[in-house]
Amino acid sequence: MVWQNARAISKSIYTITRKPDFERDYRFVQQIRAAAGSVMDNIAEGFGRGGNKEFLQFLSIARGSCQELLSQLYRAYDVQYISEEEFNKLKGDVNAISAMIYHLVEKIRQSELKGAKYS
């Protein structure tokens, strides 16, 4: 569920960065798209490693990418690339994903299972 939500926000970021004013800011578009992609990519890569320690490490990186993405959303709002309504929606989505990752981390830490590669 967390990866699917991260995928949805990545798609939303691609959509908003296609706005005419936004898309002309090439470097910023690359940065915000990369941060959004990093959230879902790190969740997937960590899961694919098959061990909980590695998964936790990648989930931590994914949460960091959420904060990077949130910072970039503030910047996009400040320079009026996105509306207040878009900002608030995306900010809520990013915060929700970050919270989901946090809860997943806590579940993994409390689990006695070490991961699929140790089965």
PDB file of N, CA and C in Angstrom:
ATOM      1  N   MET A   1       0.816  -1.197   0.000  1.00  0.00           N
ATOM      2  CA  MET A   1       0.000   0.000   0.000  1.00  0.00           C
ATOM      3  C   MET A   1       0.867   1.271   0.000  1.00  0.00           C
ATOM      4  N   VAL A   2       1.940   1.264   0.754  1.00  0.00           N
ATOM      5  CA  VAL A   2       2.782   2.465   0.815  1.00  0.00           C
ATOM      6  C   VAL A   2       3.454   2.731  -0.532  1.00  0.00           C
ATOM      7  N   TRP A   3       3.926   1.677  -1.191  1.00  0.00           N
ATOM      8  CA  TRP A   3       4.555   1.865  -2.500  1.00  0.00           C
ATOM      9  C   TRP A   3       3.543   2.387  -3.513  1.00  0.00           C
ATOM     10  N   GLN A   4       2.322   1.871  -3.462  1.00  0.00           N
ATOM     11  CA  GLN A   4       1.287   2.307  -4.394  1.00  0.00           C
ATOM     12  C   GLN A   4       0.972   3.795  -4.191  1.00  0.00           C
ATOM     13  N   ASN A   5       0.942   4.233  -2.947  1.00  0.00           N
ATOM     14  CA  ASN A   5       0.695   5.650  -2.676  1.00  0.00           C
ATOM     15  C   ASN A   5       1.870   6.512  -3.136  1.00  0.00           C
ATOM     16  N   ALA A   6       3.078   6.013  -2.953  1.00  0.00           N
ATOM     17  CA  ALA A   6       4.253   6.739  -3.434  1.00  0.00           C
ATOM     18  C   ALA A   6       4.224   6.838  -4.964  1.00  0.00           C
ATOM     19  N   ARG A   7       3.779   5.785  -5.598  1.00  0.00           N
ATOM     20  CA  ARG A   7       3.639   5.796  -7.058  1.00  0.00           C
ATOM     21  C   ARG A   7       2.626   6.853  -7.485  1.00  0.00           C
ATOM     22  N   ALA A   8       1.523   6.942  -6.777  1.00  0.00           N
ATOM     23  CA  ALA A   8       0.480   7.922  -7.110  1.00  0.00           C
ATOM     24  C   ALA A   8       0.990   9.351  -6.966  1.00  0.00           C
ATOM     25  N   ILE A   9       1.764   9.615  -5.928  1.00  0.00           N
ATOM     26  CA  ILE A   9       2.270  10.983  -5.768  1.00  0.00           C
ATOM     27  C   ILE A   9       3.314  11.294  -6.823  1.00  0.00           C
ATOM     28  N   SER A  10       4.098  10.307  -7.219  1.00  0.00           N
ATOM     29  CA  SER A  10       5.062  10.524  -8.294  1.00  0.00           C
ATOM     30  C   SER A  10       4.338  10.916  -9.575  1.00  0.00           C
ATOM     31  N   LYS A  11       3.244  10.234  -9.850  1.00  0.00           N
ATOM     32  CA  LYS A  11       2.442  10.564 -11.028  1.00  0.00           C
ATOM     33  C   LYS A  11       1.887  11.987 -10.916  1.00  0.00           C
ATOM     34  N   SER A  12       1.428  12.367  -9.732  1.00  0.00           N
ATOM     35  CA  SER A  12       0.914  13.727  -9.515  1.00  0.00           C
ATOM     36  C   SER A  12       1.991  14.779  -9.751  1.00  0.00           C
ATOM     37  N   ILE A  13       3.205  14.482  -9.318  1.00  0.00           N
ATOM     38  CA  ILE A  13       4.318  15.421  -9.512  1.00  0.00           C
ATOM     39  C   ILE A  13       4.607  15.579 -11.004  1.00  0.00           C
ATOM     40  N   TYR A  14       4.600  14.485 -11.735  1.00  0.00           N
ATOM     41  CA  TYR A  14       4.812  14.584 -13.185  1.00  0.00           C
ATOM     42  C   TYR A  14       3.719  15.431 -13.832  1.00  0.00           C
ATOM     43  N   THR A  15       2.501  15.287 -13.353  1.00  0.00           N
ATOM     44  CA  THR A  15       1.390  16.058 -13.917  1.00  0.00           C
ATOM     45  C   THR A  15       1.570  17.550 -13.657  1.00  0.00           C
ATOM     46  N   ILE A  16       1.875  17.920 -12.423  1.00  0.00           N
ATOM     47  CA  ILE A  16       1.980  19.362 -12.121  1.00  0.00           C
ATOM     48  C   ILE A  16       3.208  19.992 -12.773  1.00  0.00           C
ATOM     49  N   THR A  17       4.241  19.207 -12.979  1.00  0.00           N
ATOM     50  CA  THR A  17       5.453  19.776 -13.581  1.00  0.00           C
ATOM     51  C   THR A  17       5.331  19.946 -15.085  1.00  0.00           C
ATOM     52  N   ARG A  18       4.208  19.543 -15.643  1.00  0.00           N
ATOM     53  CA  ARG A  18       3.954  19.777 -17.065  1.00  0.00           C
ATOM     54  C   ARG A  18       3.271  21.120 -17.313  1.00  0.00           C
ATOM     55  N   LYS A  19       2.944  21.845 -16.242  1.00  0.00           N
ATOM     56  CA  LYS A  19       2.367  23.183 -16.403  1.00  0.00           C
ATOM     57  C   LYS A  19       3.391  24.075 -17.105  1.00  0.00           C
ATOM     58  N   PRO A  20       2.945  24.962 -17.980  1.00  0.00           N
ATOM     59  CA  PRO A  20       3.875  25.767 -18.785  1.00  0.00           C
ATOM     60  C   PRO A  20       4.956  26.508 -17.984  1.00  0.00           C
ATOM     61  N   ASP A  21       4.579  27.232 -16.951  1.00  0.00           N
ATOM     62  CA  ASP A  21       5.591  27.962 -16.181  1.00  0.00           C
ATOM     63  C   ASP A  21       6.547  27.015 -15.462  1.00  0.00           C
ATOM     64  N   PHE A  22       5.986  25.961 -14.925  1.00  0.00           N
ATOM     65  CA  PHE A  22       6.794  25.005 -14.170  1.00  0.00           C
ATOM     66  C   PHE A  22       7.767  24.281 -15.089  1.00  0.00           C
ATOM     67  N   GLU A  23       7.277  23.802 -16.220  1.00  0.00           N
ATOM     68  CA  GLU A  23       8.128  22.972 -17.074  1.00  0.00           C
ATOM     69  C   GLU A  23       9.304  23.728 -17.683  1.00  0.00           C
ATOM     70  N   ARG A  24       9.250  25.042 -17.687  1.00  0.00           N
ATOM     71  CA  ARG A  24      10.385  25.830 -18.196  1.00  0.00           C
ATOM     72  C   ARG A  24      11.556  25.874 -17.210  1.00  0.00           C
ATOM     73  N   ASP A  25      11.276  25.542 -15.960  1.00  0.00           N
ATOM     74  CA  ASP A  25      12.313  25.519 -14.931  1.00  0.00           C
ATOM     75  C   ASP A  25      12.904  24.100 -14.898  1.00  0.00           C
ATOM     76  N   TYR A  26      13.686  23.794 -15.929  1.00  0.00           N
ATOM     77  CA  TYR A  26      14.141  22.425 -16.178  1.00  0.00           C
ATOM     78  C   TYR A  26      14.837  21.771 -14.988  1.00  0.00           C
ATOM     79  N   ARG A  27      15.751  22.479 -14.370  1.00  0.00           N
ATOM     80  CA  ARG A  27      16.502  21.896 -13.256  1.00  0.00           C
ATOM     81  C   ARG A  27      15.587  21.566 -12.086  1.00  0.00           C
ATOM     82  N   PHE A  28      14.692  22.475 -11.781  1.00  0.00           N
ATOM     83  CA  PHE A  28      13.762  22.242 -10.684  1.00  0.00           C
ATOM     84  C   PHE A  28      12.831  21.070 -11.002  1.00  0.00           C
ATOM     85  N   VAL A  29      12.362  21.003 -12.228  1.00  0.00           N
ATOM     86  CA  VAL A  29      11.506  19.891 -12.641  1.00  0.00           C
ATOM     87  C   VAL A  29      12.247  18.562 -12.444  1.00  0.00           C
ATOM     88  N   GLN A  30      13.504  18.518 -12.848  1.00  0.00           N
ATOM     89  CA  GLN A  30      14.292  17.299 -12.675  1.00  0.00           C
ATOM     90  C   GLN A  30      14.437  16.943 -11.194  1.00  0.00           C
ATOM     91  N   GLN A  31      14.683  17.957 -10.358  1.00  0.00           N
ATOM     92  CA  GLN A  31      14.874  17.717  -8.925  1.00  0.00           C
ATOM     93  C   GLN A  31      13.609  17.174  -8.263  1.00  0.00           C
ATOM     94  N   ILE A  32      12.492  17.818  -8.519  1.00  0.00           N
ATOM     95  CA  ILE A  32      11.262  17.405  -7.837  1.00  0.00           C
ATOM     96  C   ILE A  32      10.783  16.049  -8.344  1.00  0.00           C
ATOM     97  N   ARG A  33      10.961  15.799  -9.632  1.00  0.00           N
ATOM     98  CA  ARG A  33      10.598  14.483 -10.163  1.00  0.00           C
ATOM     99  C   ARG A  33      11.500  13.400  -9.581  1.00  0.00           C
ATOM    100  N   ALA A  34      12.774  13.695  -9.451  1.00  0.00           N
ATOM    101  CA  ALA A  34      13.720  12.723  -8.896  1.00  0.00           C
ATOM    102  C   ALA A  34      13.386  12.414  -7.437  1.00  0.00           C
ATOM    103  N   ALA A  35      13.041  13.431  -6.668  1.00  0.00           N
ATOM    104  CA  ALA A  35      12.693  13.210  -5.264  1.00  0.00           C
ATOM    105  C   ALA A  35      11.442  12.344  -5.159  1.00  0.00           C
ATOM    106  N   ALA A  36      10.435  12.641  -5.971  1.00  0.00           N
ATOM    107  CA  ALA A  36       9.197  11.853  -5.949  1.00  0.00           C
ATOM    108  C   ALA A  36       9.477  10.408  -6.359  1.00  0.00           C
ATOM    109  N   GLY A  37      10.267  10.224  -7.391  1.00  0.00           N
ATOM    110  CA  GLY A  37      10.624   8.880  -7.830  1.00  0.00           C
ATOM    111  C   GLY A  37      11.454   8.138  -6.809  1.00  0.00           C
ATOM    112  N   SER A  38      12.289   8.868  -6.099  1.00  0.00           N
ATOM    113  CA  SER A  38      13.155   8.266  -5.096  1.00  0.00           C
ATOM    114  C   SER A  38      12.361   7.624  -3.965  1.00  0.00           C
ATOM    115  N   VAL A  39      11.230   8.203  -3.624  1.00  0.00           N
ATOM    116  CA  VAL A  39      10.408   7.634  -2.557  1.00  0.00           C
ATOM    117  C   VAL A  39       9.984   6.216  -2.953  1.00  0.00           C
ATOM    118  N   MET A  40       9.356   6.098  -4.109  1.00  0.00           N
ATOM    119  CA  MET A  40       8.860   4.776  -4.516  1.00  0.00           C
ATOM    120  C   MET A  40      10.004   3.824  -4.860  1.00  0.00           C
ATOM    121  N   ASP A  41      11.064   4.350  -5.467  1.00  0.00           N
ATOM    122  CA  ASP A  41      12.185   3.491  -5.865  1.00  0.00           C
ATOM    123  C   ASP A  41      12.908   2.894  -4.657  1.00  0.00           C
ATOM    124  N   ASN A  42      13.096   3.685  -3.623  1.00  0.00           N
ATOM    125  CA  ASN A  42      13.786   3.172  -2.436  1.00  0.00           C
ATOM    126  C   ASN A  42      12.944   2.167  -1.675  1.00  0.00           C
ATOM    127  N   ILE A  43      11.640   2.361  -1.648  1.00  0.00           N
ATOM    128  CA  ILE A  43      10.763   1.357  -1.040  1.00  0.00           C
ATOM    129  C   ILE A  43      10.905   0.045  -1.803  1.00  0.00           C
ATOM    130  N   ALA A  44      10.836   0.115  -3.121  1.00  0.00           N
ATOM    131  CA  ALA A  44      10.933  -1.092  -3.952  1.00  0.00           C
ATOM    132  C   ALA A  44      12.303  -1.751  -3.828  1.00  0.00           C
ATOM    133  N   GLU A  45      13.353  -0.949  -3.883  1.00  0.00           N
ATOM    134  CA  GLU A  45      14.693  -1.538  -3.813  1.00  0.00           C
ATOM    135  C   GLU A  45      14.940  -2.202  -2.467  1.00  0.00           C
ATOM    136  N   GLY A  46      14.533  -1.536  -1.400  1.00  0.00           N
ATOM    137  CA  GLY A  46      14.707  -2.121  -0.069  1.00  0.00           C
ATOM    138  C   GLY A  46      13.960  -3.425   0.088  1.00  0.00           C
ATOM    139  N   PHE A  47      12.724  -3.443  -0.398  1.00  0.00           N
ATOM    140  CA  PHE A  47      11.930  -4.665  -0.334  1.00  0.00           C
ATOM    141  C   PHE A  47      12.588  -5.777  -1.146  1.00  0.00           C
ATOM    142  N   GLY A  48      13.106  -5.402  -2.286  1.00  0.00           N
ATOM    143  CA  GLY A  48      13.730  -6.383  -3.174  1.00  0.00           C
ATOM    144  C   GLY A  48      15.007  -6.984  -2.631  1.00  0.00           C
ATOM    145  N   ARG A  49      15.622  -6.340  -1.664  1.00  0.00           N
ATOM    146  CA  ARG A  49      16.858  -6.876  -1.088  1.00  0.00           C
ATOM    147  C   ARG A  49      16.610  -8.130  -0.262  1.00  0.00           C
ATOM    148  N   GLY A  50      15.390  -8.285   0.246  1.00  0.00           N
ATOM    149  CA  GLY A  50      15.029  -9.517   0.931  1.00  0.00           C
ATOM    150  C   GLY A  50      15.412  -9.617   2.388  1.00  0.00           C
ATOM    151  N   GLY A  51      16.069  -8.622   2.922  1.00  0.00           N
ATOM    152  CA  GLY A  51      16.450  -8.641   4.336  1.00  0.00           C
ATOM    153  C   GLY A  51      15.941  -7.399   5.049  1.00  0.00           C
ATOM    154  N   ASN A  52      15.522  -7.571   6.284  1.00  0.00           N
ATOM    155  CA  ASN A  52      14.932  -6.449   7.005  1.00  0.00           C
ATOM    156  C   ASN A  52      15.903  -5.301   7.268  1.00  0.00           C
ATOM    157  N   LYS A  53      17.155  -5.598   7.556  1.00  0.00           N
ATOM    158  CA  LYS A  53      18.114  -4.515   7.820  1.00  0.00           C
ATOM    159  C   LYS A  53      18.261  -3.614   6.596  1.00  0.00           C
ATOM    160  N   GLU A  54      18.392  -4.231   5.448  1.00  0.00           N
ATOM    161  CA  GLU A  54      18.511  -3.442   4.219  1.00  0.00           C
ATOM    162  C   GLU A  54      17.210  -2.712   3.916  1.00  0.00           C
ATOM    163  N   PHE A  55      16.093  -3.391   4.131  1.00  0.00           N
ATOM    164  CA  PHE A  55      14.795  -2.767   3.896  1.00  0.00           C
ATOM    165  C   PHE A  55      14.643  -1.524   4.776  1.00  0.00           C
ATOM    166  N   LEU A  56      15.009  -1.644   6.041  1.00  0.00           N
ATOM    167  CA  LEU A  56      14.929  -0.497   6.954  1.00  0.00           C
ATOM    168  C   LEU A  56      15.803   0.654   6.478  1.00  0.00           C
ATOM    169  N   GLN A  57      16.981   0.333   5.992  1.00  0.00           N
ATOM    170  CA  GLN A  57      17.886   1.367   5.484  1.00  0.00           C
ATOM    171  C   GLN A  57      17.236   2.110   4.308  1.00  0.00           C
ATOM    172  N   PHE A  58      16.668   1.374   3.373  1.00  0.00           N
ATOM    173  CA  PHE A  58      16.049   2.001   2.206  1.00  0.00           C
ATOM    174  C   PHE A  58      14.766   2.746   2.572  1.00  0.00           C
ATOM    175  N   LEU A  59      14.039   2.247   3.565  1.00  0.00           N
ATOM    176  CA  LEU A  59      12.852   2.976   4.024  1.00  0.00           C
ATOM    177  C   LEU A  59      13.255   4.311   4.655  1.00  0.00           C
ATOM    178  N   SER A  60      14.374   4.323   5.336  1.00  0.00           N
ATOM    179  CA  SER A  60      14.882   5.575   5.909  1.00  0.00           C
ATOM    180  C   SER A  60      15.221   6.573   4.808  1.00  0.00           C
ATOM    181  N   ILE A  61      15.824   6.093   3.756  1.00  0.00           N
ATOM    182  CA  ILE A  61      16.140   6.953   2.611  1.00  0.00           C
ATOM    183  C   ILE A  61      14.850   7.465   1.972  1.00  0.00           C
ATOM    184  N   ALA A  62      13.847   6.593   1.857  1.00  0.00           N
ATOM    185  CA  ALA A  62      12.563   6.993   1.284  1.00  0.00           C
ATOM    186  C   ALA A  62      11.915   8.094   2.112  1.00  0.00           C
ATOM    187  N   ARG A  63      12.002   7.985   3.444  1.00  0.00           N
ATOM    188  CA  ARG A  63      11.447   9.054   4.302  1.00  0.00           C
ATOM    189  C   ARG A  63      12.215  10.355   4.109  1.00  0.00           C
ATOM    190  N   GLY A  64      13.514  10.268   3.936  1.00  0.00           N
ATOM    191  CA  GLY A  64      14.300  11.458   3.641  1.00  0.00           C
ATOM    192  C   GLY A  64      13.881  12.092   2.330  1.00  0.00           C
ATOM    193  N   SER A  65      13.584  11.257   1.345  1.00  0.00           N
ATOM    194  CA  SER A  65      13.113  11.764   0.058  1.00  0.00           C
ATOM    195  C   SER A  65      11.749  12.429   0.193  1.00  0.00           C
ATOM    196  N   CYS A  66      10.923  11.931   1.102  1.00  0.00           N
ATOM    197  CA  CYS A  66       9.640  12.598   1.372  1.00  0.00           C
ATOM    198  C   CYS A  66       9.875  14.022   1.863  1.00  0.00           C
ATOM    199  N   GLN A  67      10.836  14.181   2.747  1.00  0.00           N
ATOM    200  CA  GLN A  67      11.113  15.517   3.283  1.00  0.00           C
ATOM    201  C   GLN A  67      11.712  16.426   2.208  1.00  0.00           C
ATOM    202  N   GLU A  68      12.542  15.865   1.366  1.00  0.00           N
ATOM    203  CA  GLU A  68      13.080  16.628   0.241  1.00  0.00           C
ATOM    204  C   GLU A  68      11.951  17.068  -0.682  1.00  0.00           C
ATOM    205  N   LEU A  69      11.050  16.152  -0.979  1.00  0.00           N
ATOM    206  CA  LEU A  69       9.915  16.458  -1.837  1.00  0.00           C
ATOM    207  C   LEU A  69       9.035  17.530  -1.212  1.00  0.00           C
ATOM    208  N   LEU A  70       8.817  17.433   0.075  1.00  0.00           N
ATOM    209  CA  LEU A  70       8.013  18.429   0.779  1.00  0.00           C
ATOM    210  C   LEU A  70       8.662  19.811   0.680  1.00  0.00           C
ATOM    211  N   SER A  71       9.954  19.888   0.859  1.00  0.00           N
ATOM    212  CA  SER A  71      10.676  21.156   0.729  1.00  0.00           C
ATOM    213  C   SER A  71      10.516  21.735  -0.674  1.00  0.00           C
ATOM    214  N   GLN A  72      10.593  20.873  -1.661  1.00  0.00           N
ATOM    215  CA  GLN A  72      10.449  21.331  -3.041  1.00  0.00           C
ATOM    216  C   GLN A  72       9.020  21.784  -3.341  1.00  0.00           C
ATOM    217  N   LEU A  73       8.041  21.153  -2.713  1.00  0.00           N
ATOM    218  CA  LEU A  73       6.658  21.612  -2.874  1.00  0.00           C
ATOM    219  C   LEU A  73       6.478  23.013  -2.298  1.00  0.00           C
ATOM    220  N   TYR A  74       7.100  23.274  -1.164  1.00  0.00           N
ATOM    221  CA  TYR A  74       7.065  24.630  -0.606  1.00  0.00           C
ATOM    222  C   TYR A  74       7.663  25.622  -1.599  1.00  0.00           C
ATOM    223  N   ARG A  75       8.779  25.247  -2.185  1.00  0.00           N
ATOM    224  CA  ARG A  75       9.430  26.128  -3.156  1.00  0.00           C
ATOM    225  C   ARG A  75       8.537  26.362  -4.371  1.00  0.00           C
ATOM    226  N   ALA A  76       7.915  25.297  -4.867  1.00  0.00           N
ATOM    227  CA  ALA A  76       7.017  25.420  -6.018  1.00  0.00           C
ATOM    228  C   ALA A  76       5.837  26.336  -5.690  1.00  0.00           C
ATOM    229  N   TYR A  77       5.338  26.222  -4.481  1.00  0.00           N
ATOM    230  CA  TYR A  77       4.239  27.089  -4.051  1.00  0.00           C
ATOM    231  C   TYR A  77       4.714  28.539  -3.908  1.00  0.00           C
ATOM    232  N   ASP A  78       5.883  28.716  -3.305  1.00  0.00           N
ATOM    233  CA  ASP A  78       6.420  30.063  -3.079  1.00  0.00           C
ATOM    234  C   ASP A  78       6.647  30.837  -4.371  1.00  0.00           C
ATOM    235  N   VAL A  79       7.026  30.137  -5.427  1.00  0.00           N
ATOM    236  CA  VAL A  79       7.253  30.818  -6.715  1.00  0.00           C
ATOM    237  C   VAL A  79       6.029  30.723  -7.628  1.00  0.00           C
ATOM    238  N   GLN A  80       4.942  30.279  -7.055  1.00  0.00           N
ATOM    239  CA  GLN A  80       3.633  30.248  -7.715  1.00  0.00           C
ATOM    240  C   GLN A  80       3.557  29.306  -8.919  1.00  0.00           C
ATOM    241  N   TYR A  81       4.305  28.203  -8.844  1.00  0.00           N
ATOM    242  CA  TYR A  81       4.167  27.166  -9.858  1.00  0.00           C
ATOM    243  C   TYR A  81       2.938  26.312  -9.579  1.00  0.00           C
ATOM    244  N   ILE A  82       2.553  26.219  -8.310  1.00  0.00           N
ATOM    245  CA  ILE A  82       1.365  25.466  -7.923  1.00  0.00           C
ATOM    246  C   ILE A  82       0.484  26.333  -7.046  1.00  0.00           C
ATOM    247  N   SER A  83      -0.798  26.036  -7.069  1.00  0.00           N
ATOM    248  CA  SER A  83      -1.761  26.791  -6.272  1.00  0.00           C
ATOM    249  C   SER A  83      -1.715  26.329  -4.813  1.00  0.00           C
ATOM    250  N   GLU A  84      -2.346  27.096  -3.962  1.00  0.00           N
ATOM    251  CA  GLU A  84      -2.427  26.718  -2.550  1.00  0.00           C
ATOM    252  C   GLU A  84      -3.169  25.392  -2.399  1.00  0.00           C
ATOM    253  N   GLU A  85      -4.220  25.216  -3.182  1.00  0.00           N
ATOM    254  CA  GLU A  85      -4.989  23.973  -3.132  1.00  0.00           C
ATOM    255  C   GLU A  85      -4.129  22.772  -3.544  1.00  0.00           C
ATOM    256  N   GLU A  86      -3.376  22.925  -4.619  1.00  0.00           N
ATOM    257  CA  GLU A  86      -2.482  21.838  -5.064  1.00  0.00           C
ATOM    258  C   GLU A  86      -1.418  21.574  -4.013  1.00  0.00           C
ATOM    259  N   PHE A  87      -0.851  22.642  -3.476  1.00  0.00           N
ATOM    260  CA  PHE A  87       0.178  22.501  -2.451  1.00  0.00           C
ATOM    261  C   PHE A  87      -0.350  21.721  -1.246  1.00  0.00           C
ATOM    262  N   ASN A  88      -1.519  22.132  -0.748  1.00  0.00           N
ATOM    263  CA  ASN A  88      -2.072  21.481   0.440  1.00  0.00           C
ATOM    264  C   ASN A  88      -2.386  20.012   0.192  1.00  0.00           C
ATOM    265  N   LYS A  89      -2.905  19.696  -0.984  1.00  0.00           N
ATOM    266  CA  LYS A  89      -3.200  18.301  -1.315  1.00  0.00           C
ATOM    267  C   LYS A  89      -1.921  17.473  -1.372  1.00  0.00           C
ATOM    268  N   LEU A  90      -0.936  17.970  -2.101  1.00  0.00           N
ATOM    269  CA  LEU A  90       0.323  17.231  -2.241  1.00  0.00           C
ATOM    270  C   LEU A  90       1.066  17.132  -0.913  1.00  0.00           C
ATOM    271  N   LYS A  91       1.059  18.202  -0.156  1.00  0.00           N
ATOM    272  CA  LYS A  91       1.699  18.186   1.166  1.00  0.00           C
ATOM    273  C   LYS A  91       1.055  17.119   2.048  1.00  0.00           C
ATOM    274  N   GLY A  92      -0.278  17.050   2.034  1.00  0.00           N
ATOM    275  CA  GLY A  92      -0.977  16.024   2.801  1.00  0.00           C
ATOM    276  C   GLY A  92      -0.628  14.625   2.332  1.00  0.00           C
ATOM    277  N   ASP A  93      -0.538  14.449   1.024  1.00  0.00           N
ATOM    278  CA  ASP A  93      -0.177  13.143   0.462  1.00  0.00           C
ATOM    279  C   ASP A  93       1.235  12.727   0.873  1.00  0.00           C
ATOM    280  N   VAL A  94       2.170  13.666   0.797  1.00  0.00           N
ATOM    281  CA  VAL A  94       3.560  13.359   1.164  1.00  0.00           C
ATOM    282  C   VAL A  94       3.653  13.036   2.652  1.00  0.00           C
ATOM    283  N   ASN A  95       2.989  13.827   3.483  1.00  0.00           N
ATOM    284  CA  ASN A  95       3.007  13.556   4.922  1.00  0.00           C
ATOM    285  C   ASN A  95       2.380  12.204   5.241  1.00  0.00           C
ATOM    286  N   ALA A  96       1.332  11.836   4.511  1.00  0.00           N
ATOM    287  CA  ALA A  96       0.688  10.537   4.727  1.00  0.00           C
ATOM    288  C   ALA A  96       1.634   9.396   4.356  1.00  0.00           C
ATOM    289  N   ILE A  97       2.342   9.537   3.255  1.00  0.00           N
ATOM    290  CA  ILE A  97       3.300   8.504   2.843  1.00  0.00           C
ATOM    291  C   ILE A  97       4.428   8.393   3.865  1.00  0.00           C
ATOM    292  N   SER A  98       4.918   9.524   4.323  1.00  0.00           N
ATOM    293  CA  SER A  98       5.983   9.519   5.329  1.00  0.00           C
ATOM    294  C   SER A  98       5.516   8.797   6.596  1.00  0.00           C
ATOM    295  N   ALA A  99       4.290   9.057   7.017  1.00  0.00           N
ATOM    296  CA  ALA A  99       3.741   8.390   8.205  1.00  0.00           C
ATOM    297  C   ALA A  99       3.585   6.892   7.964  1.00  0.00           C
ATOM    298  N   MET A 100       3.155   6.522   6.767  1.00  0.00           N
ATOM    299  CA  MET A 100       3.016   5.106   6.442  1.00  0.00           C
ATOM    300  C   MET A 100       4.370   4.401   6.485  1.00  0.00           C
ATOM    301  N   ILE A 101       5.387   5.066   5.969  1.00  0.00           N
ATOM    302  CA  ILE A 101       6.733   4.489   6.000  1.00  0.00           C
ATOM    303  C   ILE A 101       7.187   4.324   7.451  1.00  0.00           C
ATOM    304  N   TYR A 102       6.945   5.341   8.263  1.00  0.00           N
ATOM    305  CA  TYR A 102       7.310   5.276   9.685  1.00  0.00           C
ATOM    306  C   TYR A 102       6.651   4.063  10.349  1.00  0.00           C
ATOM    307  N   HIS A 103       5.352   3.871  10.111  1.00  0.00           N
ATOM    308  CA  HIS A 103       4.641   2.751  10.727  1.00  0.00           C
ATOM    309  C   HIS A 103       5.164   1.406  10.207  1.00  0.00           C
ATOM    310  N   LEU A 104       5.508   1.359   8.934  1.00  0.00           N
ATOM    311  CA  LEU A 104       6.087   0.145   8.368  1.00  0.00           C
ATOM    312  C   LEU A 104       7.432  -0.157   9.035  1.00  0.00           C
ATOM    313  N   VAL A 105       8.232   0.861   9.232  1.00  0.00           N
ATOM    314  CA  VAL A 105       9.521   0.692   9.916  1.00  0.00           C
ATOM    315  C   VAL A 105       9.305   0.118  11.318  1.00  0.00           C
ATOM    316  N   GLU A 106       8.351   0.672  12.031  1.00  0.00           N
ATOM    317  CA  GLU A 106       8.077   0.192  13.389  1.00  0.00           C
ATOM    318  C   GLU A 106       7.617  -1.262  13.388  1.00  0.00           C
ATOM    319  N   LYS A 107       6.775  -1.641  12.435  1.00  0.00           N
ATOM    320  CA  LYS A 107       6.321  -3.038  12.339  1.00  0.00           C
ATOM    321  C   LYS A 107       7.488  -3.976  12.061  1.00  0.00           C
ATOM    322  N   ILE A 108       8.353  -3.563  11.155  1.00  0.00           N
ATOM    323  CA  ILE A 108       9.515  -4.397  10.822  1.00  0.00           C
ATOM    324  C   ILE A 108      10.429  -4.532  12.025  1.00  0.00           C
ATOM    325  N   ARG A 109      10.662  -3.443  12.730  1.00  0.00           N
ATOM    326  CA  ARG A 109      11.536  -3.490  13.915  1.00  0.00           C
ATOM    327  C   ARG A 109      10.980  -4.396  15.006  1.00  0.00           C
ATOM    328  N   GLN A 110       9.666  -4.453  15.129  1.00  0.00           N
ATOM    329  CA  GLN A 110       9.029  -5.278  16.161  1.00  0.00           C
ATOM    330  C   GLN A 110       8.899  -6.734  15.747  1.00  0.00           C
ATOM    331  N   SER A 111       9.084  -6.997  14.468  1.00  0.00           N
ATOM    332  CA  SER A 111       8.937  -8.346  13.949  1.00  0.00           C
ATOM    333  C   SER A 111      10.164  -9.193  14.271  1.00  0.00           C
ATOM    334  N   GLU A 112       9.908 -10.465  14.486  1.00  0.00           N
ATOM    335  CA  GLU A 112      11.013 -11.392  14.698  1.00  0.00           C
ATOM    336  C   GLU A 112      11.546 -11.954  13.396  1.00  0.00           C
ATOM    337  N   LEU A 113      10.815 -11.727  12.318  1.00  0.00           N
ATOM    338  CA  LEU A 113      11.264 -12.197  11.003  1.00  0.00           C
ATOM    339  C   LEU A 113      12.425 -11.330  10.522  1.00  0.00           C
ATOM    340  N   LYS A 114      13.381 -11.955   9.884  1.00  0.00           N
ATOM    341  CA  LYS A 114      14.560 -11.228   9.405  1.00  0.00           C
ATOM    342  C   LYS A 114      14.477 -10.887   7.931  1.00  0.00           C
ATOM    343  N   GLY A 115      13.478 -11.414   7.245  1.00  0.00           N
ATOM    344  CA  GLY A 115      13.340 -11.144   5.819  1.00  0.00           C
ATOM    345  C   GLY A 115      13.337 -12.422   5.012  1.00  0.00           C
ATOM    346  N   ALA A 116      12.892 -12.294   3.783  1.00  0.00           N
ATOM    347  CA  ALA A 116      12.726 -13.453   2.902  1.00  0.00           C
ATOM    348  C   ALA A 116      14.027 -14.186   2.614  1.00  0.00           C
ATOM    349  N   LYS A 117      15.124 -13.461   2.519  1.00  0.00           N
ATOM    350  CA  LYS A 117      16.367 -14.133   2.158  1.00  0.00           C
ATOM    351  C   LYS A 117      16.919 -15.004   3.301  1.00  0.00           C
ATOM    352  N   TYR A 118      16.336 -14.868   4.497  1.00  0.00           N
ATOM    353  CA  TYR A 118      16.775 -15.692   5.640  1.00  0.00           C
ATOM    354  C   TYR A 118      15.840 -16.865   5.908  1.00  0.00           C
ATOM    355  N   SER A 119      14.836 -17.036   5.046  1.00  0.00           N
ATOM    356  CA  SER A 119      13.855 -18.124   5.256  1.00  0.00           C
ATOM    357  C   SER A 119      14.447 -19.466   4.909  1.00  0.00           C
TER     358      SER A 119
END
